[in-house]
Amino acid sequence: QVQLVESGGGLVQAGGSLRLSCAASGRTFSSYSMAWFRQGPGKEREFLARITSGGSTAYLDSVKGRFTISRDNAKNTVYLQMNSLKPEDTAVYYCNVRGSFDYWGQGTQVTVSS
C-alpha cells in the first residue's frame, strides 16, 4: 500500500523557517516528479513546487526565492525548505506524486504568526 507521510509543520513566527518532509512508502518514486501543494483557510488547494526525476524544479511565483524543493531518492523522500515565512503562508501543506496514479499525503499544518 502506497503512503505519503508529511512532517515538519508547526507554528513559527513571521520571518522564520521550516523544513517539511514527505516520506513515501509502498513503491519507489525516483522516476516520477514530486510536488508540494498547500490549502489555506477558505482557499482552494494551490500548487507550490515540483521537482522532476532529473532534479529540475518549478515554483509558484509567490514562493520563488523563499522555498526550495529537493529530493533524496535513496530515502524516497521529498523536502520543502521554507524561509522568510509570512502569515499568508499559513496552510495545510501536502505532497503529491502523479503518474498513471495520483497519490496525496494527509497534510501537515503550517501556521505563521505575525
PDB file of N, CA and C in Angstrom:
ATOM      1  N   GLN A   1       0.843  -1.186   0.000  1.00  0.00           N
ATOM      2  CA  GLN A   1       0.000   0.000   0.000  1.00  0.00           C
ATOM      3  C   GLN A   1       0.882   1.240   0.000  1.00  0.00           C
ATOM      4  N   VAL A   2       0.608   2.151  -0.915  1.00  0.00           N
ATOM      5  CA  VAL A   2       1.397   3.370  -1.015  1.00  0.00           C
ATOM      6  C   VAL A   2       0.957   4.372   0.048  1.00  0.00           C
ATOM      7  N   GLN A   3       1.946   4.961   0.698  1.00  0.00           N
ATOM      8  CA  GLN A   3       1.663   6.028   1.669  1.00  0.00           C
ATOM      9  C   GLN A   3       2.633   7.170   1.467  1.00  0.00           C
ATOM     10  N   LEU A   4       2.122   8.384   1.571  1.00  0.00           N
ATOM     11  CA  LEU A   4       2.942   9.587   1.624  1.00  0.00           C
ATOM     12  C   LEU A   4       2.679  10.221   2.981  1.00  0.00           C
ATOM     13  N   VAL A   5       3.728  10.435   3.752  1.00  0.00           N
ATOM     14  CA  VAL A   5       3.567  10.966   5.099  1.00  0.00           C
ATOM     15  C   VAL A   5       4.378  12.248   5.228  1.00  0.00           C
ATOM     16  N   GLU A   6       3.665  13.362   5.385  1.00  0.00           N
ATOM     17  CA  GLU A   6       4.321  14.651   5.587  1.00  0.00           C
ATOM     18  C   GLU A   6       4.631  14.872   7.061  1.00  0.00           C
ATOM     19  N   SER A   7       5.680  15.615   7.314  1.00  0.00           N
ATOM     20  CA  SER A   7       6.047  16.007   8.670  1.00  0.00           C
ATOM     21  C   SER A   7       6.821  17.311   8.606  1.00  0.00           C
ATOM     22  N   GLY A   8       7.000  17.917   9.777  1.00  0.00           N
ATOM     23  CA  GLY A   8       7.806  19.126   9.855  1.00  0.00           C
ATOM     24  C   GLY A   8       7.024  20.409   9.992  1.00  0.00           C
ATOM     25  N   GLY A   9       5.706  20.326   9.938  1.00  0.00           N
ATOM     26  CA  GLY A   9       4.905  21.529  10.107  1.00  0.00           C
ATOM     27  C   GLY A   9       4.907  21.989  11.554  1.00  0.00           C
ATOM     28  N   GLY A  10       4.300  23.149  11.765  1.00  0.00           N
ATOM     29  CA  GLY A  10       4.230  23.677  13.116  1.00  0.00           C
ATOM     30  C   GLY A  10       3.924  25.151  13.118  1.00  0.00           C
ATOM     31  N   LEU A  11       4.127  25.753  14.283  1.00  0.00           N
ATOM     32  CA  LEU A  11       3.895  27.184  14.473  1.00  0.00           C
ATOM     33  C   LEU A  11       5.225  27.916  14.444  1.00  0.00           C
ATOM     34  N   VAL A  12       5.305  28.952  13.644  1.00  0.00           N
ATOM     35  CA  VAL A  12       6.552  29.711  13.520  1.00  0.00           C
ATOM     36  C   VAL A  12       6.205  31.199  13.380  1.00  0.00           C
ATOM     37  N   GLN A  13       7.093  32.042  13.836  1.00  0.00           N
ATOM     38  CA  GLN A  13       6.880  33.480  13.687  1.00  0.00           C
ATOM     39  C   GLN A  13       7.224  33.923  12.270  1.00  0.00           C
ATOM     40  N   ALA A  14       6.618  35.002  11.862  1.00  0.00           N
ATOM     41  CA  ALA A  14       6.938  35.568  10.555  1.00  0.00           C
ATOM     42  C   ALA A  14       8.442  35.809  10.446  1.00  0.00           C
ATOM     43  N   GLY A  15       8.981  35.464   9.284  1.00  0.00           N
ATOM     44  CA  GLY A  15      10.413  35.572   9.072  1.00  0.00           C
ATOM     45  C   GLY A  15      11.182  34.306   9.398  1.00  0.00           C
ATOM     46  N   GLY A  16      10.512  33.367  10.026  1.00  0.00           N
ATOM     47  CA  GLY A  16      11.155  32.121  10.402  1.00  0.00           C
ATOM     48  C   GLY A  16      11.204  31.109   9.277  1.00  0.00           C
ATOM     49  N   SER A  17      11.697  29.923   9.624  1.00  0.00           N
ATOM     50  CA  SER A  17      11.881  28.861   8.629  1.00  0.00           C
ATOM     51  C   SER A  17      11.328  27.544   9.144  1.00  0.00           C
ATOM     52  N   LEU A  18      10.927  26.713   8.207  1.00  0.00           N
ATOM     53  CA  LEU A  18      10.538  25.337   8.483  1.00  0.00           C
ATOM     54  C   LEU A  18      11.006  24.461   7.336  1.00  0.00           C
ATOM     55  N   ARG A  19      11.257  23.218   7.637  1.00  0.00           N
ATOM     56  CA  ARG A  19      11.583  22.246   6.600  1.00  0.00           C
ATOM     57  C   ARG A  19      10.584  21.107   6.670  1.00  0.00           C
ATOM     58  N   LEU A  20       9.812  20.959   5.616  1.00  0.00           N
ATOM     59  CA  LEU A  20       8.841  19.883   5.529  1.00  0.00           C
ATOM     60  C   LEU A  20       9.460  18.676   4.837  1.00  0.00           C
ATOM     61  N   SER A  21       9.043  17.504   5.285  1.00  0.00           N
ATOM     62  CA  SER A  21       9.466  16.257   4.662  1.00  0.00           C
ATOM     63  C   SER A  21       8.243  15.463   4.238  1.00  0.00           C
ATOM     64  N   CYS A  22       8.395  14.703   3.187  1.00  0.00           N
ATOM     65  CA  CYS A  22       7.337  13.798   2.738  1.00  0.00           C
ATOM     66  C   CYS A  22       8.000  12.467   2.403  1.00  0.00           C
ATOM     67  N   ALA A  23       7.749  11.490   3.250  1.00  0.00           N
ATOM     68  CA  ALA A  23       8.343  10.173   3.077  1.00  0.00           C
ATOM     69  C   ALA A  23       7.340   9.248   2.405  1.00  0.00           C
ATOM     70  N   ALA A  24       7.777   8.643   1.318  1.00  0.00           N
ATOM     71  CA  ALA A  24       6.914   7.731   0.575  1.00  0.00           C
ATOM     72  C   ALA A  24       7.265   6.292   0.912  1.00  0.00           C
ATOM     73  N   SER A  25       6.266   5.457   0.947  1.00  0.00           N
ATOM     74  CA  SER A  25       6.481   4.032   1.171  1.00  0.00           C
ATOM     75  C   SER A  25       5.514   3.253   0.293  1.00  0.00           C
ATOM     76  N   GLY A  26       5.843   2.014   0.054  1.00  0.00           N
ATOM     77  CA  GLY A  26       4.974   1.157  -0.738  1.00  0.00           C
ATOM     78  C   GLY A  26       5.417   0.995  -2.176  1.00  0.00           C
ATOM     79  N   ARG A  27       6.125   1.972  -2.698  1.00  0.00           N
ATOM     80  CA  ARG A  27       6.743   1.871  -4.014  1.00  0.00           C
ATOM     81  C   ARG A  27       7.779   2.985  -4.133  1.00  0.00           C
ATOM     82  N   THR A  28       8.630   2.874  -5.129  1.00  0.00           N
ATOM     83  CA  THR A  28       9.685   3.846  -5.360  1.00  0.00           C
ATOM     84  C   THR A  28       9.216   4.878  -6.380  1.00  0.00           C
ATOM     85  N   PHE A  29       9.500   6.157  -6.080  1.00  0.00           N
ATOM     86  CA  PHE A  29       9.057   7.238  -6.969  1.00  0.00           C
ATOM     87  C   PHE A  29      10.220   7.985  -7.620  1.00  0.00           C
ATOM     88  N   SER A  30      11.375   7.377  -7.664  1.00  0.00           N
ATOM     89  CA  SER A  30      12.546   8.072  -8.199  1.00  0.00           C
ATOM     90  C   SER A  30      12.379   8.446  -9.672  1.00  0.00           C
ATOM     91  N   SER A  31      11.511   7.777 -10.392  1.00  0.00           N
ATOM     92  CA  SER A  31      11.313   8.063 -11.818  1.00  0.00           C
ATOM     93  C   SER A  31      10.207   9.077 -12.075  1.00  0.00           C
ATOM     94  N   TYR A  32       9.633   9.601 -11.019  1.00  0.00           N
ATOM     95  CA  TYR A  32       8.474  10.487 -11.153  1.00  0.00           C
ATOM     96  C   TYR A  32       8.749  11.863 -10.544  1.00  0.00           C
ATOM     97  N   SER A  33       8.047  12.850 -11.078  1.00  0.00           N
ATOM     98  CA  SER A  33       8.074  14.162 -10.452  1.00  0.00           C
ATOM     99  C   SER A  33       7.302  14.099  -9.136  1.00  0.00           C
ATOM    100  N   MET A  34       7.757  14.878  -8.180  1.00  0.00           N
ATOM    101  CA  MET A  34       7.060  15.003  -6.897  1.00  0.00           C
ATOM    102  C   MET A  34       6.786  16.475  -6.648  1.00  0.00           C
ATOM    103  N   ALA A  35       5.712  16.752  -5.954  1.00  0.00           N
ATOM    104  CA  ALA A  35       5.294  18.140  -5.827  1.00  0.00           C
ATOM    105  C   ALA A  35       4.748  18.428  -4.429  1.00  0.00           C
ATOM    106  N   TRP A  36       4.722  19.717  -4.108  1.00  0.00           N
ATOM    107  CA  TRP A  36       4.083  20.217  -2.897  1.00  0.00           C
ATOM    108  C   TRP A  36       2.941  21.154  -3.297  1.00  0.00           C
ATOM    109  N   PHE A  37       1.855  21.020  -2.567  1.00  0.00           N
ATOM    110  CA  PHE A  37       0.705  21.901  -2.693  1.00  0.00           C
ATOM    111  C   PHE A  37       0.361  22.421  -1.300  1.00  0.00           C
ATOM    112  N   ARG A  38      -0.492  23.411  -1.240  1.00  0.00           N
ATOM    113  CA  ARG A  38      -0.995  23.873   0.051  1.00  0.00           C
ATOM    114  C   ARG A  38      -2.434  24.351  -0.098  1.00  0.00           C
ATOM    115  N   GLN A  39      -3.137  24.330   1.024  1.00  0.00           N
ATOM    116  CA  GLN A  39      -4.504  24.828   1.059  1.00  0.00           C
ATOM    117  C   GLN A  39      -4.683  25.682   2.293  1.00  0.00           C
ATOM    118  N   GLY A  40      -4.838  26.978   2.062  1.00  0.00           N
ATOM    119  CA  GLY A  40      -5.038  27.907   3.157  1.00  0.00           C
ATOM    120  C   GLY A  40      -6.488  27.967   3.586  1.00  0.00           C
ATOM    121  N   PRO A  41      -6.760  28.588   4.722  1.00  0.00           N
ATOM    122  CA  PRO A  41      -8.131  28.688   5.229  1.00  0.00           C
ATOM    123  C   PRO A  41      -9.060  29.367   4.222  1.00  0.00           C
ATOM    124  N   GLY A  42     -10.120  28.676   3.838  1.00  0.00           N
ATOM    125  CA  GLY A  42     -11.077  29.233   2.901  1.00  0.00           C
ATOM    126  C   GLY A  42     -10.589  29.358   1.478  1.00  0.00           C
ATOM    127  N   LYS A  43      -9.472  28.714   1.180  1.00  0.00           N
ATOM    128  CA  LYS A  43      -8.898  28.822  -0.169  1.00  0.00           C
ATOM    129  C   LYS A  43      -8.863  27.464  -0.843  1.00  0.00           C
ATOM    130  N   GLU A  44      -8.684  27.490  -2.156  1.00  0.00           N
ATOM    131  CA  GLU A  44      -8.515  26.246  -2.889  1.00  0.00           C
ATOM    132  C   GLU A  44      -7.068  25.770  -2.764  1.00  0.00           C
ATOM    133  N   ARG A  45      -6.883  24.489  -2.967  1.00  0.00           N
ATOM    134  CA  ARG A  45      -5.541  23.934  -2.943  1.00  0.00           C
ATOM    135  C   ARG A  45      -4.751  24.510  -4.114  1.00  0.00           C
ATOM    136  N   GLU A  46      -3.502  24.918  -3.852  1.00  0.00           N
ATOM    137  CA  GLU A  46      -2.680  25.510  -4.903  1.00  0.00           C
ATOM    138  C   GLU A  46      -1.327  24.817  -5.003  1.00  0.00           C
ATOM    139  N   PHE A  47      -0.830  24.777  -6.233  1.00  0.00           N
ATOM    140  CA  PHE A  47       0.491  24.228  -6.500  1.00  0.00           C
ATOM    141  C   PHE A  47       1.563  25.153  -5.930  1.00  0.00           C
ATOM    142  N   LEU A  48       2.595  24.565  -5.331  1.00  0.00           N
ATOM    143  CA  LEU A  48       3.716  25.333  -4.794  1.00  0.00           C
ATOM    144  C   LEU A  48       5.020  25.086  -5.540  1.00  0.00           C
ATOM    145  N   ALA A  49       5.368  23.816  -5.659  1.00  0.00           N
ATOM    146  CA  ALA A  49       6.680  23.486  -6.215  1.00  0.00           C
ATOM    147  C   ALA A  49       6.670  22.059  -6.728  1.00  0.00           C
ATOM    148  N   ARG A  50       7.524  21.834  -7.740  1.00  0.00           N
ATOM    149  CA  ARG A  50       7.655  20.492  -8.311  1.00  0.00           C
ATOM    150  C   ARG A  50       9.122  20.217  -8.586  1.00  0.00           C
ATOM    151  N   ILE A  51       9.517  18.970  -8.418  1.00  0.00           N
ATOM    152  CA  ILE A  51      10.862  18.545  -8.773  1.00  0.00           C
ATOM    153  C   ILE A  51      10.748  17.288  -9.620  1.00  0.00           C
ATOM    154  N   THR A  52      11.437  17.301 -10.765  1.00  0.00           N
ATOM    155  CA  THR A  52      11.373  16.157 -11.662  1.00  0.00           C
ATOM    156  C   THR A  52      12.338  15.071 -11.197  1.00  0.00           C
ATOM    157  N   SER A  53      12.274  13.941 -11.863  1.00  0.00           N
ATOM    158  CA  SER A  53      13.192  12.849 -11.534  1.00  0.00           C
ATOM    159  C   SER A  53      14.635  13.270 -11.785  1.00  0.00           C
ATOM    160  N   GLY A  54      14.839  14.198 -12.702  1.00  0.00           N
ATOM    161  CA  GLY A  54      16.182  14.669 -13.013  1.00  0.00           C
ATOM    162  C   GLY A  54      16.638  15.836 -12.169  1.00  0.00           C
ATOM    163  N   GLY A  55      15.748  16.316 -11.307  1.00  0.00           N
ATOM    164  CA  GLY A  55      16.124  17.391 -10.399  1.00  0.00           C
ATOM    165  C   GLY A  55      15.732  18.786 -10.845  1.00  0.00           C
ATOM    166  N   SER A  56      15.068  18.913 -11.989  1.00  0.00           N
ATOM    167  CA  SER A  56      14.590  20.232 -12.404  1.00  0.00           C
ATOM    168  C   SER A  56      13.434  20.654 -11.506  1.00  0.00           C
ATOM    169  N   THR A  57      13.358  21.958 -11.253  1.00  0.00           N
ATOM    170  CA  THR A  57      12.347  22.457 -10.316  1.00  0.00           C
ATOM    171  C   THR A  57      11.494  23.558 -10.932  1.00  0.00           C
ATOM    172  N   ALA A  58      10.318  23.722 -10.379  1.00  0.00           N
ATOM    173  CA  ALA A  58       9.410  24.791 -10.776  1.00  0.00           C
ATOM    174  C   ALA A  58       8.677  25.245  -9.521  1.00  0.00           C
ATOM    175  N   TYR A  59       8.358  26.546  -9.468  1.00  0.00           N
ATOM    176  CA  TYR A  59       7.754  27.114  -8.266  1.00  0.00           C
ATOM    177  C   TYR A  59       6.610  28.064  -8.607  1.00  0.00           C
ATOM    178  N   LEU A  60       5.691  28.176  -7.665  1.00  0.00           N
ATOM    179  CA  LEU A  60       4.706  29.248  -7.685  1.00  0.00           C
ATOM    180  C   LEU A  60       5.471  30.565  -7.526  1.00  0.00           C
ATOM    181  N   ASP A  61       5.080  31.571  -8.284  1.00  0.00           N
ATOM    182  CA  ASP A  61       5.829  32.829  -8.263  1.00  0.00           C
ATOM    183  C   ASP A  61       5.977  33.408  -6.855  1.00  0.00           C
ATOM    184  N   SER A  62       4.941  33.303  -6.060  1.00  0.00           N
ATOM    185  CA  SER A  62       4.967  33.958  -4.752  1.00  0.00           C
ATOM    186  C   SER A  62       5.909  33.293  -3.753  1.00  0.00           C
ATOM    187  N   VAL A  63       6.418  32.115  -4.072  1.00  0.00           N
ATOM    188  CA  VAL A  63       7.344  31.456  -3.155  1.00  0.00           C
ATOM    189  C   VAL A  63       8.757  31.347  -3.722  1.00  0.00           C
ATOM    190  N   LYS A  64       8.939  31.779  -4.962  1.00  0.00           N
ATOM    191  CA  LYS A  64      10.282  31.740  -5.558  1.00  0.00           C
ATOM    192  C   LYS A  64      11.250  32.558  -4.717  1.00  0.00           C
ATOM    193  N   GLY A  65      12.417  31.981  -4.473  1.00  0.00           N
ATOM    194  CA  GLY A  65      13.423  32.669  -3.684  1.00  0.00           C
ATOM    195  C   GLY A  65      13.272  32.461  -2.190  1.00  0.00           C
ATOM    196  N   ARG A  66      12.107  31.953  -1.767  1.00  0.00           N
ATOM    197  CA  ARG A  66      11.894  31.680  -0.339  1.00  0.00           C
ATOM    198  C   ARG A  66      11.797  30.178  -0.060  1.00  0.00           C
ATOM    199  N   PHE A  67      11.200  29.438  -0.969  1.00  0.00           N
ATOM    200  CA  PHE A  67      11.017  27.992  -0.794  1.00  0.00           C
ATOM    201  C   PHE A  67      11.947  27.235  -1.744  1.00  0.00           C
ATOM    202  N   THR A  68      12.440  26.103  -1.266  1.00  0.00           N
ATOM    203  CA  THR A  68      13.292  25.245  -2.084  1.00  0.00           C
ATOM    204  C   THR A  68      12.834  23.803  -1.955  1.00  0.00           C
ATOM    205  N   ILE A  69      12.536  23.184  -3.092  1.00  0.00           N
ATOM    206  CA  ILE A  69      12.155  21.773  -3.102  1.00  0.00           C
ATOM    207  C   ILE A  69      13.387  20.934  -3.434  1.00  0.00           C
ATOM    208  N   SER A  70      13.509  19.796  -2.774  1.00  0.00           N
ATOM    209  CA  SER A  70      14.607  18.881  -3.053  1.00  0.00           C
ATOM    210  C   SER A  70      14.123  17.464  -2.810  1.00  0.00           C
ATOM    211  N   ARG A  71      14.927  16.513  -3.215  1.00  0.00           N
ATOM    212  CA  ARG A  71      14.532  15.122  -3.029  1.00  0.00           C
ATOM    213  C   ARG A  71      15.745  14.262  -2.731  1.00  0.00           C
ATOM    214  N   ASP A  72      15.497  13.173  -2.019  1.00  0.00           N
ATOM    215  CA  ASP A  72      16.515  12.175  -1.738  1.00  0.00           C
ATOM    216  C   ASP A  72      15.920  10.845  -2.196  1.00  0.00           C
ATOM    217  N   ASN A  73      16.321  10.406  -3.380  1.00  0.00           N
ATOM    218  CA  ASN A  73      15.719   9.189  -3.934  1.00  0.00           C
ATOM    219  C   ASN A  73      16.086   7.953  -3.111  1.00  0.00           C
ATOM    220  N   ALA A  74      17.228   7.965  -2.496  1.00  0.00           N
ATOM    221  CA  ALA A  74      17.621   6.828  -1.663  1.00  0.00           C
ATOM    222  C   ALA A  74      16.667   6.651  -0.480  1.00  0.00           C
ATOM    223  N   LYS A  75      16.112   7.780  -0.033  1.00  0.00           N
ATOM    224  CA  LYS A  75      15.171   7.747   1.090  1.00  0.00           C
ATOM    225  C   LYS A  75      13.723   7.829   0.630  1.00  0.00           C
ATOM    226  N   ASN A  76      13.530   7.946  -0.696  1.00  0.00           N
ATOM    227  CA  ASN A  76      12.167   8.053  -1.242  1.00  0.00           C
ATOM    228  C   ASN A  76      11.415   9.208  -0.591  1.00  0.00           C
ATOM    229  N   THR A  77      12.111  10.322  -0.430  1.00  0.00           N
ATOM    230  CA  THR A  77      11.604  11.462   0.337  1.00  0.00           C
ATOM    231  C   THR A  77      11.791  12.760  -0.454  1.00  0.00           C
ATOM    232  N   VAL A  78      10.793  13.624  -0.353  1.00  0.00           N
ATOM    233  CA  VAL A  78      10.887  14.959  -0.928  1.00  0.00           C
ATOM    234  C   VAL A  78      10.786  15.968   0.210  1.00  0.00           C
ATOM    235  N   TYR A  79      11.498  17.078   0.062  1.00  0.00           N
ATOM    236  CA  TYR A  79      11.567  18.100   1.105  1.00  0.00           C
ATOM    237  C   TYR A  79      11.098  19.446   0.561  1.00  0.00           C
ATOM    238  N   LEU A  80      10.688  20.288   1.488  1.00  0.00           N
ATOM    239  CA  LEU A  80      10.385  21.673   1.143  1.00  0.00           C
ATOM    240  C   LEU A  80      10.980  22.556   2.233  1.00  0.00           C
ATOM    241  N   GLN A  81      12.054  23.231   1.890  1.00  0.00           N
ATOM    242  CA  GLN A  81      12.662  24.204   2.807  1.00  0.00           C
ATOM    243  C   GLN A  81      11.959  25.533   2.611  1.00  0.00           C
ATOM    244  N   MET A  82      11.399  26.059   3.687  1.00  0.00           N
ATOM    245  CA  MET A  82      10.639  27.305   3.623  1.00  0.00           C
ATOM    246  C   MET A  82      11.300  28.347   4.507  1.00  0.00           C
ATOM    247  N   ASN A  83      11.747  29.418   3.888  1.00  0.00           N
ATOM    248  CA  ASN A  83      12.401  30.519   4.598  1.00  0.00           C
ATOM    249  C   ASN A  83      11.579  31.790   4.471  1.00  0.00           C
ATOM    250  N   SER A  84      11.894  32.751   5.310  1.00  0.00           N
ATOM    251  CA  SER A  84      11.207  34.054   5.275  1.00  0.00           C
ATOM    252  C   SER A  84       9.695  33.878   5.245  1.00  0.00           C
ATOM    253  N   LEU A  85       9.200  33.043   6.127  1.00  0.00           N
ATOM    254  CA  LEU A  85       7.766  32.727   6.127  1.00  0.00           C
ATOM    255  C   LEU A  85       6.929  33.951   6.477  1.00  0.00           C
ATOM    256  N   LYS A  86       5.757  33.998   5.859  1.00  0.00           N
ATOM    257  CA  LYS A  86       4.821  35.104   6.045  1.00  0.00           C
ATOM    258  C   LYS A  86       3.493  34.552   6.581  1.00  0.00           C
ATOM    259  N   PRO A  87       2.715  35.383   7.246  1.00  0.00           N
ATOM    260  CA  PRO A  87       1.406  34.904   7.731  1.00  0.00           C
ATOM    261  C   PRO A  87       0.546  34.309   6.620  1.00  0.00           C
ATOM    262  N   GLU A  88       0.658  34.832   5.420  1.00  0.00           N
ATOM    263  CA  GLU A  88      -0.133  34.293   4.306  1.00  0.00           C
ATOM    264  C   GLU A  88       0.325  32.920   3.840  1.00  0.00           C
ATOM    265  N   ASP A  89       1.439  32.437   4.392  1.00  0.00           N
ATOM    266  CA  ASP A  89       1.869  31.064   4.097  1.00  0.00           C
ATOM    267  C   ASP A  89       1.148  30.050   4.983  1.00  0.00           C
ATOM    268  N   THR A  90       0.354  30.529   5.920  1.00  0.00           N
ATOM    269  CA  THR A  90      -0.401  29.628   6.792  1.00  0.00           C
ATOM    270  C   THR A  90      -1.335  28.755   5.966  1.00  0.00           C
ATOM    271  N   ALA A  91      -1.205  27.442   6.116  1.00  0.00           N
ATOM    272  CA  ALA A  91      -1.970  26.494   5.294  1.00  0.00           C
ATOM    273  C   ALA A  91      -1.658  25.080   5.742  1.00  0.00           C
ATOM    274  N   VAL A  92      -2.411  24.149   5.194  1.00  0.00           N
ATOM    275  CA  VAL A  92      -2.051  22.742   5.281  1.00  0.00           C
ATOM    276  C   VAL A  92      -1.252  22.416   4.018  1.00  0.00           C
ATOM    277  N   TYR A  93      -0.092  21.818   4.218  1.00  0.00           N
ATOM    278  CA  TYR A  93       0.813  21.521   3.120  1.00  0.00           C
ATOM    279  C   TYR A  93       0.755  20.026   2.795  1.00  0.00           C
ATOM    280  N   TYR A  94       0.649  19.742   1.496  1.00  0.00           N
ATOM    281  CA  TYR A  94       0.503  18.369   1.026  1.00  0.00           C
ATOM    282  C   TYR A  94       1.581  18.020   0.007  1.00  0.00           C
ATOM    283  N   CYS A  95       2.038  16.779   0.029  1.00  0.00           N
ATOM    284  CA  CYS A  95       2.894  16.329  -1.059  1.00  0.00           C
ATOM    285  C   CYS A  95       2.068  15.449  -1.997  1.00  0.00           C
ATOM    286  N   ASN A  96       2.538  15.355  -3.229  1.00  0.00           N
ATOM    287  CA  ASN A  96       1.791  14.692  -4.286  1.00  0.00           C
ATOM    288  C   ASN A  96       2.734  14.041  -5.269  1.00  0.00           C
ATOM    289  N   VAL A  97       2.353  12.859  -5.717  1.00  0.00           N
ATOM    290  CA  VAL A  97       3.067  12.164  -6.783  1.00  0.00           C
ATOM    291  C   VAL A  97       2.035  11.668  -7.778  1.00  0.00           C
ATOM    292  N   ARG A  98       2.290  11.945  -9.072  1.00  0.00           N
ATOM    293  CA  ARG A  98       1.342  11.532 -10.113  1.00  0.00           C
ATOM    294  C   ARG A  98       2.055  10.777 -11.206  1.00  0.00           C
ATOM    295  N   GLY A  99       1.342   9.812 -11.736  1.00  0.00           N
ATOM    296  CA  GLY A  99       1.772   9.107 -12.927  1.00  0.00           C
ATOM    297  C   GLY A  99       0.487   8.630 -13.556  1.00  0.00           C
ATOM    298  N   SER A 100       0.345   7.354 -13.653  1.00  0.00           N
ATOM    299  CA  SER A 100      -0.952   6.768 -14.006  1.00  0.00           C
ATOM    300  C   SER A 100      -1.777   6.667 -12.716  1.00  0.00           C
ATOM    301  N   PHE A 101      -1.258   7.233 -11.681  1.00  0.00           N
ATOM    302  CA  PHE A 101      -1.832   7.213 -10.340  1.00  0.00           C
ATOM    303  C   PHE A 101      -1.805   8.648  -9.836  1.00  0.00           C
ATOM    304  N   ASP A 102      -2.365   8.877  -8.664  1.00  0.00           N
ATOM    305  CA  ASP A 102      -2.379  10.212  -8.070  1.00  0.00           C
ATOM    306  C   ASP A 102      -2.411  10.030  -6.561  1.00  0.00           C
ATOM    307  N   TYR A 103      -1.231  10.151  -5.942  1.00  0.00           N
ATOM    308  CA  TYR A 103      -1.132   9.919  -4.508  1.00  0.00           C
ATOM    309  C   TYR A 103      -0.940  11.230  -3.768  1.00  0.00           C
ATOM    310  N   TRP A 104      -1.616  11.351  -2.623  1.00  0.00           N
ATOM    311  CA  TRP A 104      -1.510  12.522  -1.754  1.00  0.00           C
ATOM    312  C   TRP A 104      -1.209  12.091  -0.329  1.00  0.00           C
ATOM    313  N   GLY A 105      -0.485  12.926   0.377  1.00  0.00           N
ATOM    314  CA  GLY A 105      -0.311  12.711   1.790  1.00  0.00           C
ATOM    315  C   GLY A 105      -1.485  13.285   2.557  1.00  0.00           C
ATOM    316  N   GLN A 106      -1.422  13.136   3.882  1.00  0.00           N
ATOM    317  CA  GLN A 106      -2.532  13.595   4.720  1.00  0.00           C
ATOM    318  C   GLN A 106      -2.424  15.074   5.058  1.00  0.00           C
ATOM    319  N   GLY A 107      -1.268  15.653   4.796  1.00  0.00           N
ATOM    320  CA  GLY A 107      -1.053  17.071   5.038  1.00  0.00           C
ATOM    321  C   GLY A 107      -0.415  17.353   6.381  1.00  0.00           C
ATOM    322  N   THR A 108       0.284  18.466   6.438  1.00  0.00           N
ATOM    323  CA  THR A 108       0.874  18.935   7.693  1.00  0.00           C
ATOM    324  C   THR A 108       0.579  20.433   7.821  1.00  0.00           C
ATOM    325  N   GLN A 109       0.168  20.839   9.007  1.00  0.00           N
ATOM    326  CA  GLN A 109      -0.264  22.222   9.224  1.00  0.00           C
ATOM    327  C   GLN A 109       0.944  23.125   9.448  1.00  0.00           C
ATOM    328  N   VAL A 110       0.967  24.222   8.747  1.00  0.00           N
ATOM    329  CA  VAL A 110       1.955  25.277   8.959  1.00  0.00           C
ATOM    330  C   VAL A 110       1.202  26.548   9.342  1.00  0.00           C
ATOM    331  N   THR A 111       1.560  27.101  10.488  1.00  0.00           N
ATOM    332  CA  THR A 111       0.935  28.334  10.948  1.00  0.00           C
ATOM    333  C   THR A 111       2.024  29.367  11.187  1.00  0.00           C
ATOM    334  N   VAL A 112       1.885  30.512  10.527  1.00  0.00           N
ATOM    335  CA  VAL A 112       2.876  31.579  10.649  1.00  0.00           C
ATOM    336  C   VAL A 112       2.211  32.754  11.363  1.00  0.00           C
ATOM    337  N   SER A 113       2.744  33.096  12.523  1.00  0.00           N
ATOM    338  CA  SER A 113       2.173  34.194  13.303  1.00  0.00           C
ATOM    339  C   SER A 113       2.872  35.509  12.967  1.00  0.00           C
ATOM    340  N   SER A 114       2.119  36.581  13.063  1.00  0.00           N
ATOM    341  CA  SER A 114       2.676  37.905  12.727  1.00  0.00           C
ATOM    342  C   SER A 114       3.284  38.566  13.951  1.00  0.00           C
TER     343      SER A 114
END
